[in-house]
C-alpha atoms as a PDB file:
ATOM      1  CA  UNK A   1       0.000   0.000   0.000  1.00  0.00           C
ATOM      2  CA  UNK A   2       1.585   3.228  -1.186  1.00  0.00           C
ATOM      3  CA  UNK A   3       0.231   5.530   1.546  1.00  0.00           C
ATOM      4  CA  UNK A   4      -0.321   4.849   5.251  1.00  0.00           C
ATOM      5  CA  UNK A   5      -3.926   3.777   5.623  1.00  0.00           C
ATOM      6  CA  UNK A   6      -6.370   6.330   7.034  1.00  0.00           C
ATOM      7  CA  UNK A   7      -4.958   7.647  10.364  1.00  0.00           C
ATOM      8  CA  UNK A   8      -2.622   4.753  11.143  1.00  0.00           C
ATOM      9  CA  UNK A   9       0.401   7.067  10.878  1.00  0.00           C
ATOM     10  CA  UNK A  10      -1.125   9.724  13.180  1.00  0.00           C
ATOM     11  CA  UNK A  11       0.414   8.770  16.510  1.00  0.00           C
ATOM     12  CA  UNK A  12       1.057  12.189  18.036  1.00  0.00           C
ATOM     13  CA  UNK A  13      -0.757  13.178  21.224  1.00  0.00           C
ATOM     14  CA  UNK A  14      -3.198  16.064  20.770  1.00  0.00           C
ATOM     15  CA  UNK A  15      -3.461  19.042  23.103  1.00  0.00           C
ATOM     16  CA  UNK A  16      -6.753  19.067  25.017  1.00  0.00           C
ATOM     17  CA  UNK A  17      -8.742  22.277  25.469  1.00  0.00           C
ATOM     18  CA  UNK A  18     -11.743  22.746  27.744  1.00  0.00           C
ATOM     19  CA  UNK A  19     -13.654  25.847  26.718  1.00  0.00           C
ATOM     20  CA  UNK A  20     -16.736  27.408  28.263  1.00  0.00           C
ATOM     21  CA  UNK A  21     -19.157  28.199  25.413  1.00  0.00           C
ATOM     22  CA  UNK A  22     -22.001  29.457  27.618  1.00  0.00           C
ATOM     23  CA  UNK A  23     -22.936  29.502  31.290  1.00  0.00           C
ATOM     24  CA  UNK A  24     -22.007  26.051  32.603  1.00  0.00           C
ATOM     25  CA  UNK A  25     -21.597  24.724  29.050  1.00  0.00           C
ATOM     26  CA  UNK A  26     -18.222  23.297  28.058  1.00  0.00           C
ATOM     27  CA  UNK A  27     -16.549  21.964  24.916  1.00  0.00           C
ATOM     28  CA  UNK A  28     -13.829  19.320  25.270  1.00  0.00           C
ATOM     29  CA  UNK A  29     -11.676  19.588  22.124  1.00  0.00           C
ATOM     30  CA  UNK A  30      -8.351  18.122  21.043  1.00  0.00           C
ATOM     31  CA  UNK A  31      -6.909  19.545  17.808  1.00  0.00           C
ATOM     32  CA  UNK A  32      -9.196  17.742  15.379  1.00  0.00           C
ATOM     33  CA  UNK A  33      -9.833  14.621  17.459  1.00  0.00           C
ATOM     34  CA  UNK A  34     -13.492  13.869  18.346  1.00  0.00           C
ATOM     35  CA  UNK A  35     -15.000  16.466  20.676  1.00  0.00           C
ATOM     36  CA  UNK A  36     -17.237  15.958  23.701  1.00  0.00           C
ATOM     37  CA  UNK A  37     -19.614  18.392  25.377  1.00  0.00           C
ATOM     38  CA  UNK A  38     -20.665  19.087  28.963  1.00  0.00           C
ATOM     39  CA  UNK A  39     -23.952  20.610  30.161  1.00  0.00           C
ATOM     40  CA  UNK A  40     -24.155  21.368  33.881  1.00  0.00           C
ATOM     41  CA  UNK A  41     -27.656  21.649  35.266  1.00  0.00           C
ATOM     42  CA  UNK A  42     -28.961  22.594  38.697  1.00  0.00           C
ATOM     43  CA  UNK A  43     -28.208  19.231  40.230  1.00  0.00           C
ATOM     44  CA  UNK A  44     -26.670  17.007  37.552  1.00  0.00           C
ATOM     45  CA  UNK A  45     -24.525  16.844  34.409  1.00  0.00           C
ATOM     46  CA  UNK A  46     -25.175  15.767  30.839  1.00  0.00           C
ATOM     47  CA  UNK A  47     -22.275  14.590  28.674  1.00  0.00           C
ATOM     48  CA  UNK A  48     -22.387  14.686  24.889  1.00  0.00           C
ATOM     49  CA  UNK A  49     -20.298  12.051  23.062  1.00  0.00           C
ATOM     50  CA  UNK A  50     -18.498   9.273  24.926  1.00  0.00           C
ATOM     51  CA  UNK A  51     -15.124   9.070  23.120  1.00  0.00           C
ATOM     52  CA  UNK A  52     -13.798   5.802  21.667  1.00  0.00           C
ATOM     53  CA  UNK A  53     -12.752   3.992  24.843  1.00  0.00           C
ATOM     54  CA  UNK A  54     -13.357   4.218  28.593  1.00  0.00           C
ATOM     55  CA  UNK A  55      -9.752   5.309  29.057  1.00  0.00           C
ATOM     56  CA  UNK A  56     -10.232   8.304  26.756  1.00  0.00           C
ATOM     57  CA  UNK A  57     -13.593   9.020  28.361  1.00  0.00           C
ATOM     58  CA  UNK A  58     -11.834   9.451  31.685  1.00  0.00           C
ATOM     59  CA  UNK A  59      -9.955  12.418  30.194  1.00  0.00           C
ATOM     60  CA  UNK A  60     -13.341  14.098  29.736  1.00  0.00           C
ATOM     61  CA  UNK A  61     -14.385  13.162  33.258  1.00  0.00           C
ATOM     62  CA  UNK A  62     -11.179  14.676  34.658  1.00  0.00           C
ATOM     63  CA  UNK A  63     -12.049  18.004  33.024  1.00  0.00           C
ATOM     64  CA  UNK A  64     -15.635  17.833  34.269  1.00  0.00           C
ATOM     65  CA  UNK A  65     -14.414  17.330  37.825  1.00  0.00           C
ATOM     66  CA  UNK A  66     -12.344  20.512  37.545  1.00  0.00           C
ATOM     67  CA  UNK A  67     -15.570  22.539  37.257  1.00  0.00           C
ATOM     68  CA  UNK A  68     -18.281  20.565  39.096  1.00  0.00           C
ATOM     69  CA  UNK A  69     -18.832  17.662  41.469  1.00  0.00           C
ATOM     70  CA  UNK A  70     -22.447  17.115  40.381  1.00  0.00           C
ATOM     71  CA  UNK A  71     -23.297  13.574  39.261  1.00  0.00           C
ATOM     72  CA  UNK A  72     -23.300  12.619  35.580  1.00  0.00           C
ATOM     73  CA  UNK A  73     -26.857  11.461  34.945  1.00  0.00           C
ATOM     74  CA  UNK A  74     -27.251  11.687  31.155  1.00  0.00           C
ATOM     75  CA  UNK A  75     -25.071  10.764  28.177  1.00  0.00           C
ATOM     76  CA  UNK A  76     -26.252  11.842  24.728  1.00  0.00           C
ATOM     77  CA  UNK A  77     -24.740  10.250  21.626  1.00  0.00           C
ATOM     78  CA  UNK A  78     -25.290  12.259  18.446  1.00  0.00           C
ATOM     79  CA  UNK A  79     -24.836   9.219  16.174  1.00  0.00           C
ATOM     80  CA  UNK A  80     -23.573   5.639  16.167  1.00  0.00           C
ATOM     81  CA  UNK A  81     -19.886   5.857  15.149  1.00  0.00           C
ATOM     82  CA  UNK A  82     -17.492   3.871  17.318  1.00  0.00           C
ATOM     83  CA  UNK A  83     -15.166   6.782  18.134  1.00  0.00           C
ATOM     84  CA  UNK A  84     -18.175   8.602  19.618  1.00  0.00           C
ATOM     85  CA  UNK A  85     -19.863   5.874  21.626  1.00  0.00           C
ATOM     86  CA  UNK A  86     -17.632   3.024  22.830  1.00  0.00           C
ATOM     87  CA  UNK A  87     -16.310   4.888  25.897  1.00  0.00           C
ATOM     88  CA  UNK A  88     -19.810   5.174  27.352  1.00  0.00           C
ATOM     89  CA  UNK A  89     -19.337   2.760  30.267  1.00  0.00           C
ATOM     90  CA  UNK A  90     -16.831   5.116  31.950  1.00  0.00           C
ATOM     91  CA  UNK A  91     -19.502   7.739  32.634  1.00  0.00           C
ATOM     92  CA  UNK A  92     -21.813   5.336  34.495  1.00  0.00           C
ATOM     93  CA  UNK A  93     -24.739   7.497  33.358  1.00  0.00           C
ATOM     94  CA  UNK A  94     -28.182   6.052  34.182  1.00  0.00           C
ATOM     95  CA  UNK A  95     -29.596   7.488  30.945  1.00  0.00           C
ATOM     96  CA  UNK A  96     -27.940   7.002  27.530  1.00  0.00           C
ATOM     97  CA  UNK A  97     -29.859   8.797  24.778  1.00  0.00           C
ATOM     98  CA  UNK A  98     -29.760   8.302  20.996  1.00  0.00           C
ATOM     99  CA  UNK A  99     -32.213   8.908  18.191  1.00  0.00           C
ATOM    100  CA  UNK A 100     -34.244   5.823  17.307  1.00  0.00           C
ATOM    101  CA  UNK A 101     -32.555   5.830  13.886  1.00  0.00           C
ATOM    102  CA  UNK A 102     -29.088   5.904  15.439  1.00  0.00           C
ATOM    103  CA  UNK A 103     -29.987   2.907  17.605  1.00  0.00           C
ATOM    104  CA  UNK A 104     -31.151   1.053  14.511  1.00  0.00           C
ATOM    105  CA  UNK A 105     -27.786   1.792  12.900  1.00  0.00           C
ATOM    106  CA  UNK A 106     -25.972   0.292  15.898  1.00  0.00           C
ATOM    107  CA  UNK A 107     -28.000  -2.873  15.322  1.00  0.00           C
ATOM    108  CA  UNK A 108     -27.467  -2.814  11.573  1.00  0.00           C
ATOM    109  CA  UNK A 109     -23.774  -1.916  11.344  1.00  0.00           C
ATOM    110  CA  UNK A 110     -22.325  -1.172  14.779  1.00  0.00           C
ATOM    111  CA  UNK A 111     -19.947  -4.141  14.960  1.00  0.00           C
ATOM    112  CA  UNK A 112     -18.692  -3.606  11.419  1.00  0.00           C
ATOM    113  CA  UNK A 113     -18.130   0.075  12.175  1.00  0.00           C
ATOM    114  CA  UNK A 114     -16.198  -0.791  15.351  1.00  0.00           C
ATOM    115  CA  UNK A 115     -13.860  -3.113  13.438  1.00  0.00           C
ATOM    116  CA  UNK A 116     -13.477  -0.561  10.647  1.00  0.00           C
ATOM    117  CA  UNK A 117     -12.716   2.414  12.895  1.00  0.00           C
ATOM    118  CA  UNK A 118     -10.364   0.412  15.093  1.00  0.00           C
ATOM    119  CA  UNK A 119      -8.288  -0.266  11.974  1.00  0.00           C
ATOM    120  CA  UNK A 120      -8.431   3.350  10.821  1.00  0.00           C
ATOM    121  CA  UNK A 121      -7.694   5.137  14.158  1.00  0.00           C
ATOM    122  CA  UNK A 122      -5.320   3.073  16.320  1.00  0.00           C
ATOM    123  CA  UNK A 123      -4.376   6.066  18.514  1.00  0.00           C
ATOM    124  CA  UNK A 124      -8.012   6.825  19.368  1.00  0.00           C
ATOM    125  CA  UNK A 125      -8.549   3.287  20.663  1.00  0.00           C
ATOM    126  CA  UNK A 126      -6.066   3.575  23.512  1.00  0.00           C
ATOM    127  CA  UNK A 127      -7.241   1.145  26.182  1.00  0.00           C
ATOM    128  CA  UNK A 128      -9.587  -0.640  23.773  1.00  0.00           C
ATOM    129  CA  UNK A 129      -9.442  -3.805  25.869  1.00  0.00           C
ATOM    130  CA  UNK A 130     -11.673  -2.083  28.448  1.00  0.00           C
ATOM    131  CA  UNK A 131     -14.583  -1.596  26.005  1.00  0.00           C
ATOM    132  CA  UNK A 132     -17.346  -3.888  27.290  1.00  0.00           C
ATOM    133  CA  UNK A 133     -19.162  -4.175  23.968  1.00  0.00           C
ATOM    134  CA  UNK A 134     -21.425  -2.164  21.693  1.00  0.00           C
ATOM    135  CA  UNK A 135     -23.071   0.858  23.323  1.00  0.00           C
ATOM    136  CA  UNK A 136     -26.873   0.696  23.433  1.00  0.00           C
ATOM    137  CA  UNK A 137     -29.130   3.558  24.525  1.00  0.00           C
ATOM    138  CA  UNK A 138     -31.548   3.315  27.425  1.00  0.00           C
ATOM    139  CA  UNK A 139     -33.746   5.989  25.824  1.00  0.00           C
ATOM    140  CA  UNK A 140     -34.499   6.804  22.182  1.00  0.00           C
ATOM    141  CA  UNK A 141     -36.578   9.473  20.471  1.00  0.00           C
ATOM    142  CA  UNK A 142     -37.965  10.455  17.096  1.00  0.00           C
ATOM    143  CA  UNK A 143     -37.701  14.073  15.938  1.00  0.00           C
ATOM    144  CA  UNK A 144     -37.119  15.697  19.350  1.00  0.00           C
ATOM    145  CA  UNK A 145     -37.240  15.327  23.118  1.00  0.00           C
ATOM    146  CA  UNK A 146     -36.458  17.531  26.111  1.00  0.00           C
ATOM    147  CA  UNK A 147     -34.521  16.685  29.260  1.00  0.00           C
ATOM    148  CA  UNK A 148     -34.692  18.853  32.373  1.00  0.00           C
ATOM    149  CA  UNK A 149     -31.561  19.104  34.493  1.00  0.00           C
ATOM    150  CA  UNK A 150     -33.417  20.818  37.307  1.00  0.00           C
ATOM    151  CA  UNK A 151     -34.727  24.020  35.748  1.00  0.00           C
ATOM    152  CA  UNK A 152     -32.327  23.852  32.795  1.00  0.00           C
ATOM    153  CA  UNK A 153     -34.039  22.499  29.698  1.00  0.00           C
ATOM    154  CA  UNK A 154     -32.032  20.660  27.062  1.00  0.00           C
ATOM    155  CA  UNK A 155     -33.632  19.972  23.661  1.00  0.00           C
ATOM    156  CA  UNK A 156     -32.338  16.980  21.709  1.00  0.00           C
ATOM    157  CA  UNK A 157     -33.442  17.140  18.085  1.00  0.00           C
ATOM    158  CA  UNK A 158     -33.087  15.668  14.649  1.00  0.00           C
ATOM    159  CA  UNK A 159     -32.904  18.510  12.146  1.00  0.00           C
ATOM    160  CA  UNK A 160     -32.172  16.359   9.087  1.00  0.00           C
ATOM    161  CA  UNK A 161     -29.768  13.823   7.668  1.00  0.00           C
ATOM    162  CA  UNK A 162     -26.150  14.894   7.262  1.00  0.00           C
ATOM    163  CA  UNK A 163     -23.110  13.047   8.646  1.00  0.00           C
ATOM    164  CA  UNK A 164     -25.383  10.013   9.146  1.00  0.00           C
ATOM    165  CA  UNK A 165     -29.097   9.291   8.858  1.00  0.00           C
ATOM    166  CA  UNK A 166     -29.491   9.363  12.646  1.00  0.00           C
ATOM    167  CA  UNK A 167     -27.791  12.635  13.569  1.00  0.00           C
ATOM    168  CA  UNK A 168     -28.989  14.543  16.623  1.00  0.00           C
ATOM    169  CA  UNK A 169     -28.136  18.030  17.866  1.00  0.00           C
ATOM    170  CA  UNK A 170     -28.356  19.208  21.473  1.00  0.00           C
ATOM    171  CA  UNK A 171     -29.676  22.720  22.059  1.00  0.00           C
ATOM    172  CA  UNK A 172     -29.574  24.677  25.327  1.00  0.00           C
ATOM    173  CA  UNK A 173     -32.126  27.475  24.914  1.00  0.00           C
ATOM    174  CA  UNK A 174     -31.236  29.483  28.018  1.00  0.00           C
ATOM    175  CA  UNK A 175     -27.809  30.225  26.477  1.00  0.00           C
ATOM    176  CA  UNK A 176     -28.713  29.758  22.782  1.00  0.00           C
ATOM    177  CA  UNK A 177     -25.859  27.270  22.349  1.00  0.00           C
ATOM    178  CA  UNK A 178     -25.846  24.068  20.306  1.00  0.00           C
ATOM    179  CA  UNK A 179     -23.732  20.908  20.305  1.00  0.00           C
ATOM    180  CA  UNK A 180     -23.897  19.701  16.708  1.00  0.00           C
ATOM    181  CA  UNK A 181     -21.877  16.503  16.580  1.00  0.00           C
ATOM    182  CA  UNK A 182     -20.249  15.939  13.196  1.00  0.00           C
ATOM    183  CA  UNK A 183     -22.881  17.848  11.258  1.00  0.00           C
ATOM    184  CA  UNK A 184     -20.596  20.887  11.722  1.00  0.00           C
ATOM    185  CA  UNK A 185     -16.788  20.786  11.703  1.00  0.00           C
ATOM    186  CA  UNK A 186     -14.242  23.565  12.067  1.00  0.00           C
ATOM    187  CA  UNK A 187     -10.849  23.412  10.351  1.00  0.00           C
ATOM    188  CA  UNK A 188     -11.403  19.673  10.079  1.00  0.00           C
ATOM    189  CA  UNK A 189     -12.521  17.540   7.168  1.00  0.00           C
ATOM    190  CA  UNK A 190     -16.069  16.220   7.262  1.00  0.00           C
ATOM    191  CA  UNK A 191     -16.238  12.449   7.231  1.00  0.00           C
ATOM    192  CA  UNK A 192     -18.914  11.727   4.630  1.00  0.00           C
ATOM    193  CA  UNK A 193     -18.518   7.971   4.255  1.00  0.00           C
ATOM    194  CA  UNK A 194     -21.925   7.379   5.877  1.00  0.00           C
ATOM    195  CA  UNK A 195     -23.339  10.756   4.907  1.00  0.00           C
ATOM    196  CA  UNK A 196     -26.183  12.200   2.874  1.00  0.00           C
ATOM    197  CA  UNK A 197     -24.807  14.900   0.600  1.00  0.00           C
ATOM    198  CA  UNK A 198     -28.146  16.082  -0.761  1.00  0.00           C
ATOM    199  CA  UNK A 199     -29.606  16.631   2.717  1.00  0.00           C
ATOM    200  CA  UNK A 200     -26.548  17.976   4.531  1.00  0.00           C
ATOM    201  CA  UNK A 201     -26.686  21.635   3.314  1.00  0.00           C
ATOM    202  CA  UNK A 202     -30.336  21.931   4.321  1.00  0.00           C
ATOM    203  CA  UNK A 203     -29.572  20.557   7.764  1.00  0.00           C
ATOM    204  CA  UNK A 204     -26.837  23.173   8.149  1.00  0.00           C
ATOM    205  CA  UNK A 205     -29.345  25.884   7.259  1.00  0.00           C
ATOM    206  CA  UNK A 206     -31.750  24.523   9.875  1.00  0.00           C
ATOM    207  CA  UNK A 207     -28.951  25.010  12.409  1.00  0.00           C
ATOM    208  CA  UNK A 208     -28.261  28.502  11.091  1.00  0.00           C
ATOM    209  CA  UNK A 209     -31.906  29.432  11.642  1.00  0.00           C
ATOM    210  CA  UNK A 210     -31.356  29.239  15.419  1.00  0.00           C
ATOM    211  CA  UNK A 211     -29.069  32.307  15.143  1.00  0.00           C
ATOM    212  CA  UNK A 212     -26.801  30.731  17.746  1.00  0.00           C
ATOM    213  CA  UNK A 213     -24.458  32.433  20.168  1.00  0.00           C
ATOM    214  CA  UNK A 214     -22.035  29.496  20.071  1.00  0.00           C
ATOM    215  CA  UNK A 215     -21.531  26.001  18.695  1.00  0.00           C
ATOM    216  CA  UNK A 216     -19.488  23.087  19.955  1.00  0.00           C
ATOM    217  CA  UNK A 217     -18.742  21.236  16.689  1.00  0.00           C
ATOM    218  CA  UNK A 218     -17.870  17.595  16.180  1.00  0.00           C
ATOM    219  CA  UNK A 219     -14.208  18.331  15.547  1.00  0.00           C
ATOM    220  CA  UNK A 220     -12.197  21.510  15.845  1.00  0.00           C
ATOM    221  CA  UNK A 221     -12.243  24.449  18.208  1.00  0.00           C
ATOM    222  CA  UNK A 222     -15.340  25.741  19.979  1.00  0.00           C
ATOM    223  CA  UNK A 223     -17.114  28.460  18.005  1.00  0.00           C
ATOM    224  CA  UNK A 224     -18.052  31.519  20.061  1.00  0.00           C
ATOM    225  CA  UNK A 225     -19.979  34.390  18.502  1.00  0.00           C
ATOM    226  CA  UNK A 226     -22.205  34.552  15.451  1.00  0.00           C
ATOM    227  CA  UNK A 227     -19.339  35.325  13.066  1.00  0.00           C
ATOM    228  CA  UNK A 228     -17.499  32.122  13.959  1.00  0.00           C
ATOM    229  CA  UNK A 229     -20.724  30.120  13.944  1.00  0.00           C
ATOM    230  CA  UNK A 230     -21.616  31.294  10.450  1.00  0.00           C
ATOM    231  CA  UNK A 231     -18.067  30.837   9.169  1.00  0.00           C
ATOM    232  CA  UNK A 232     -18.106  27.207  10.329  1.00  0.00           C
ATOM    233  CA  UNK A 233     -21.520  26.587   8.774  1.00  0.00           C
ATOM    234  CA  UNK A 234     -20.305  28.121   5.508  1.00  0.00           C
ATOM    235  CA  UNK A 235     -17.051  26.157   5.400  1.00  0.00           C
ATOM    236  CA  UNK A 236     -18.806  22.893   6.257  1.00  0.00           C
ATOM    237  CA  UNK A 237     -21.331  23.459   3.468  1.00  0.00           C
ATOM    238  CA  UNK A 238     -18.539  24.323   1.043  1.00  0.00           C
ATOM    239  CA  UNK A 239     -16.668  21.148   1.975  1.00  0.00           C
ATOM    240  CA  UNK A 240     -19.726  18.953   1.417  1.00  0.00           C
ATOM    241  CA  UNK A 241     -20.644  20.540  -1.906  1.00  0.00           C
ATOM    242  CA  UNK A 242     -17.054  20.642  -3.163  1.00  0.00           C
ATOM    243  CA  UNK A 243     -16.770  16.931  -2.497  1.00  0.00           C
ATOM    244  CA  UNK A 244     -20.085  15.868  -3.979  1.00  0.00           C
ATOM    245  CA  UNK A 245     -20.326  17.856  -7.195  1.00  0.00           C
ATOM    246  CA  UNK A 246     -17.091  16.701  -8.911  1.00  0.00           C
ATOM    247  CA  UNK A 247     -17.702  13.091  -7.903  1.00  0.00           C
ATOM    248  CA  UNK A 248     -21.301  13.225  -9.117  1.00  0.00           C
ATOM    249  CA  UNK A 249     -20.326  14.640 -12.508  1.00  0.00           C
ATOM    250  CA  UNK A 250     -17.930  11.742 -13.037  1.00  0.00           C
ATOM    251  CA  UNK A 251     -20.359   9.099 -11.790  1.00  0.00           C
ATOM    252  CA  UNK A 252     -23.242  10.359 -13.916  1.00  0.00           C
ATOM    253  CA  UNK A 253     -21.206  10.201 -17.125  1.00  0.00           C
ATOM    254  CA  UNK A 254     -20.105   6.653 -16.341  1.00  0.00           C
ATOM    255  CA  UNK A 255     -16.592   7.473 -15.174  1.00  0.00           C
ATOM    256  CA  UNK A 256     -14.622   5.397 -12.687  1.00  0.00           C
ATOM    257  CA  UNK A 257     -14.211   5.866  -8.952  1.00  0.00           C
ATOM    258  CA  UNK A 258     -10.553   6.737  -9.572  1.00  0.00           C
ATOM    259  CA  UNK A 259     -11.618   9.484 -11.994  1.00  0.00           C
ATOM    260  CA  UNK A 260     -14.018  10.808  -9.365  1.00  0.00           C
ATOM    261  CA  UNK A 261     -11.167  10.775  -6.818  1.00  0.00           C
ATOM    262  CA  UNK A 262      -8.988  12.858  -9.155  1.00  0.00           C
ATOM    263  CA  UNK A 263     -11.819  15.323  -9.802  1.00  0.00           C
ATOM    264  CA  UNK A 264     -12.557  15.788  -6.101  1.00  0.00           C
ATOM    265  CA  UNK A 265      -8.875  16.267  -5.307  1.00  0.00           C
ATOM    266  CA  UNK A 266      -8.634  18.976  -7.946  1.00  0.00           C
ATOM    267  CA  UNK A 267     -11.561  20.812  -6.346  1.00  0.00           C
ATOM    268  CA  UNK A 268     -10.856  20.221  -2.662  1.00  0.00           C
ATOM    269  CA  UNK A 269      -7.062  20.115  -2.251  1.00  0.00           C
ATOM    270  CA  UNK A 270      -6.565  23.873  -2.784  1.00  0.00           C
ATOM    271  CA  UNK A 271      -9.173  24.703  -0.130  1.00  0.00           C
ATOM    272  CA  UNK A 272      -9.026  21.945   2.458  1.00  0.00           C
ATOM    273  CA  UNK A 273      -5.717  20.057   2.267  1.00  0.00           C
ATOM    274  CA  UNK A 274      -4.546  21.528   5.594  1.00  0.00           C
ATOM    275  CA  UNK A 275      -7.694  20.450   7.473  1.00  0.00           C
ATOM    276  CA  UNK A 276      -7.415  17.794  10.168  1.00  0.00           C
ATOM    277  CA  UNK A 277      -8.031  14.198   8.937  1.00  0.00           C
ATOM    278  CA  UNK A 278      -8.397  15.426   5.342  1.00  0.00           C
ATOM    279  CA  UNK A 279      -6.336  12.663   3.742  1.00  0.00           C
ATOM    280  CA  UNK A 280      -8.012  10.100   5.973  1.00  0.00           C
ATOM    281  CA  UNK A 281     -11.538  11.117   4.979  1.00  0.00           C
ATOM    282  CA  UNK A 282     -11.135  11.800   1.287  1.00  0.00           C
ATOM    283  CA  UNK A 283     -11.304   8.259  -0.142  1.00  0.00           C
ATOM    284  CA  UNK A 284     -14.366   7.372   1.963  1.00  0.00           C
ATOM    285  CA  UNK A 285     -16.004  10.661   1.003  1.00  0.00           C
ATOM    286  CA  UNK A 286     -15.441  10.125  -2.719  1.00  0.00           C
ATOM    287  CA  UNK A 287     -16.774   6.570  -2.560  1.00  0.00           C
ATOM    288  CA  UNK A 288     -19.948   7.700  -0.802  1.00  0.00           C
ATOM    289  CA  UNK A 289     -20.458  10.701  -3.129  1.00  0.00           C
ATOM    290  CA  UNK A 290     -20.078   8.421  -6.146  1.00  0.00           C
ATOM    291  CA  UNK A 291     -22.696   6.028  -4.725  1.00  0.00           C
ATOM    292  CA  UNK A 292     -25.163   8.771  -3.833  1.00  0.00           C
ATOM    293  CA  UNK A 293     -24.921  10.236  -7.328  1.00  0.00           C
ATOM    294  CA  UNK A 294     -26.034   6.802  -8.599  1.00  0.00           C
ATOM    295  CA  UNK A 295     -29.090   6.941  -6.278  1.00  0.00           C
ATOM    296  CA  UNK A 296     -27.755   4.608  -3.591  1.00  0.00           C
ATOM    297  CA  UNK A 297     -29.602   6.337  -0.785  1.00  0.00           C
ATOM    298  CA  UNK A 298     -28.511   4.146   2.138  1.00  0.00           C
ATOM    299  CA  UNK A 299     -24.727   4.224   2.590  1.00  0.00           C
ATOM    300  CA  UNK A 300     -23.120   0.831   2.069  1.00  0.00           C
ATOM    301  CA  UNK A 301     -21.672  -0.638   5.257  1.00  0.00           C
ATOM    302  CA  UNK A 302     -17.957  -0.093   5.692  1.00  0.00           C
ATOM    303  CA  UNK A 303     -16.014  -3.102   6.911  1.00  0.00           C
ATOM    304  CA  UNK A 304     -12.311  -3.466   7.673  1.00  0.00           C
ATOM    305  CA  UNK A 305     -11.996  -5.498   4.454  1.00  0.00           C
ATOM    306  CA  UNK A 306     -13.928  -3.046   2.266  1.00  0.00           C
ATOM    307  CA  UNK A 307     -11.900  -0.150   3.710  1.00  0.00           C
ATOM    308  CA  UNK A 308      -8.601  -1.646   2.592  1.00  0.00           C
ATOM    309  CA  UNK A 309      -9.872  -2.660  -0.831  1.00  0.00           C
ATOM    310  CA  UNK A 310     -11.165   0.851  -1.533  1.00  0.00           C
ATOM    311  CA  UNK A 311      -7.985   2.494  -0.214  1.00  0.00           C
ATOM    312  CA  UNK A 312      -5.797   0.285  -2.404  1.00  0.00           C
ATOM    313  CA  UNK A 313      -7.977   1.011  -5.420  1.00  0.00           C
ATOM    314  CA  UNK A 314      -7.436   4.759  -5.026  1.00  0.00           C
ATOM    315  CA  UNK A 315      -3.885   4.841  -3.614  1.00  0.00           C
ATOM    316  CA  UNK A 316      -2.298   1.677  -4.990  1.00  0.00           C
END
């Protein structure tokens, strides 16, 4: 294989930041690694995203304990991907919340995704032997639900398909702040391998309609202020469209996946080559864009075997 697969060569430790994005609202970020969020209520704490392993989850817990000793009662998972959910056991939260669609995706493809992501991201699976198994929610919802942490209301909503078909966002109305999961990224490539390119821009506009004070994105730094929020929404939309359109043109004229790869690189490299995990994401993104252009609405399941075959096809 001519190029190190996915993120196998990324072994450097990332600097952790813990940023307050609203009153008692915190973003745990780490230079393009998966983010987590923290919502502190009157008498309890909600965590958003569990990290890939219990060991990595404890890094989030350490930061939480620097700002509050209230118990962690709720864990919200914005979608099913292994690097977001497999650390859940560390939080010992009585309530684990996912959309009903995200739970269905755990059942449909959770084990395959775990094997696939473990191969792609060895550094993120530090302490993987402590993962007890697939993470299942205790509570699911369709469209939206609200959780009350004392008087603080938290709205958990599906605004549309984007990064996956089961994406949820978490909105805190008293501070007008949203935790978006991987629907929004900042200075980081979007992973579109399980995405829905046609729907994604509209979902971003649904987020924009909240006129938010701040966003904690899926990857990248916390976004404080409307200018940063809108810049991140714009750059995410540009990334999605710049990936899909060249690939679709090739697919619809009967061109090959390799030709689509070359066309997307020509469009995206000048704008996004310095983004975190760009080289990792690009082959998966092109493959999914090519499929969606051919009306394959449900993303094909990635497996560790399919990953390597596709990578070799484009890089070999």
